[in-house]
Protein backbone atom coordinates (compact mmCIF):
# COMPACT_ATOMS: atom_id res chain seq x y z
CA MET A 1 0.00 0.00 0.00
CA GLU A 2 2.93 2.34 0.61
CA LYS A 3 3.90 2.21 -3.09
CA ILE A 4 0.34 3.16 -4.01
CA LYS A 5 0.37 6.08 -1.56
CA GLN A 6 3.71 7.30 -2.88
CA ALA A 7 2.56 7.05 -6.49
CA LEU A 8 -0.59 9.01 -5.64
CA ARG A 9 1.45 11.71 -3.88
CA ILE A 10 3.67 12.05 -6.96
CA ILE A 11 0.72 12.29 -9.34
CA THR A 12 -1.13 14.83 -7.19
CA GLY A 13 1.97 17.00 -6.74
CA GLY A 14 2.65 16.26 -3.08
CA GLU A 15 5.99 14.62 -3.77
CA GLN A 16 8.72 14.78 -6.39
CA GLY A 17 9.03 11.86 -8.77
CA ASP A 18 8.47 10.50 -12.25
CA ILE A 19 4.77 10.78 -13.07
CA ARG A 20 4.96 8.12 -15.80
CA GLU A 21 6.50 5.66 -13.36
CA ALA A 22 3.87 6.52 -10.74
CA LEU A 23 1.07 5.92 -13.26
CA ALA A 24 2.63 2.59 -14.23
CA THR A 25 2.83 1.63 -10.55
CA LEU A 26 -0.88 2.30 -10.08
CA ASP A 27 -1.86 0.49 -13.27
CA GLN A 28 0.20 -2.54 -12.21
CA ALA A 29 -1.27 -2.47 -8.70
CA LEU A 30 -4.75 -2.61 -10.23
CA LEU A 31 -3.78 -5.60 -12.35
CA ASP A 32 -2.08 -7.48 -9.51
CA GLN A 33 -4.06 -6.50 -6.42
CA ALA A 34 -7.54 -5.30 -7.40
CA ASN A 35 -9.22 -8.31 -5.79
CA GLU A 36 -7.40 -7.53 -2.51
CA MET A 37 -8.20 -3.79 -2.50
CA ASP A 38 -11.23 -2.04 -1.12
CA GLY A 39 -13.81 -1.64 -3.88
CA GLN A 40 -13.94 2.11 -3.46
CA LEU A 41 -10.18 2.42 -3.96
CA VAL A 42 -10.40 0.27 -7.09
CA HIS A 43 -13.19 2.53 -8.35
CA PHE A 44 -11.08 5.68 -7.83
CA LEU A 45 -8.00 4.16 -9.46
CA GLU A 46 -9.89 2.78 -12.46
CA ARG A 47 -11.40 6.20 -13.08
CA ARG A 48 -8.09 7.94 -12.41
CA SER A 49 -9.60 9.97 -9.57
CA TYR A 50 -6.23 10.28 -7.90
CA VAL A 51 -7.06 13.08 -5.44
CA LYS A 52 -9.98 11.02 -4.16
CA ALA A 53 -7.85 7.86 -4.05
CA LEU A 54 -5.17 9.63 -2.02
CA ALA A 55 -7.72 10.99 0.45
CA PHE A 56 -9.22 7.50 0.76
CA VAL A 57 -5.90 5.73 1.49
CA ASN A 58 -5.00 8.45 4.00
CA GLY A 59 -8.28 7.92 5.83
CA GLU A 60 -9.44 11.44 5.05
CA GLU A 61 -12.81 12.63 3.85
CA VAL A 62 -13.08 11.97 0.13
CA PRO A 63 -13.86 15.15 -1.82
CA GLU A 64 -17.03 15.20 -3.91
């Protein structure tokens, strides 16, 4: 889960890093771990709602 959080922080601008690599990390996580993830997180990642996904994994209120 830490790799997913880091990738989301990179994509949303909260951390420095390679955006293409971060996107690839999230795409691969969906392929490998979707059946182990919370359905809401899968929903956010599939729809590329990265701000919402980051809020969700951080246990924060998910923006509308």
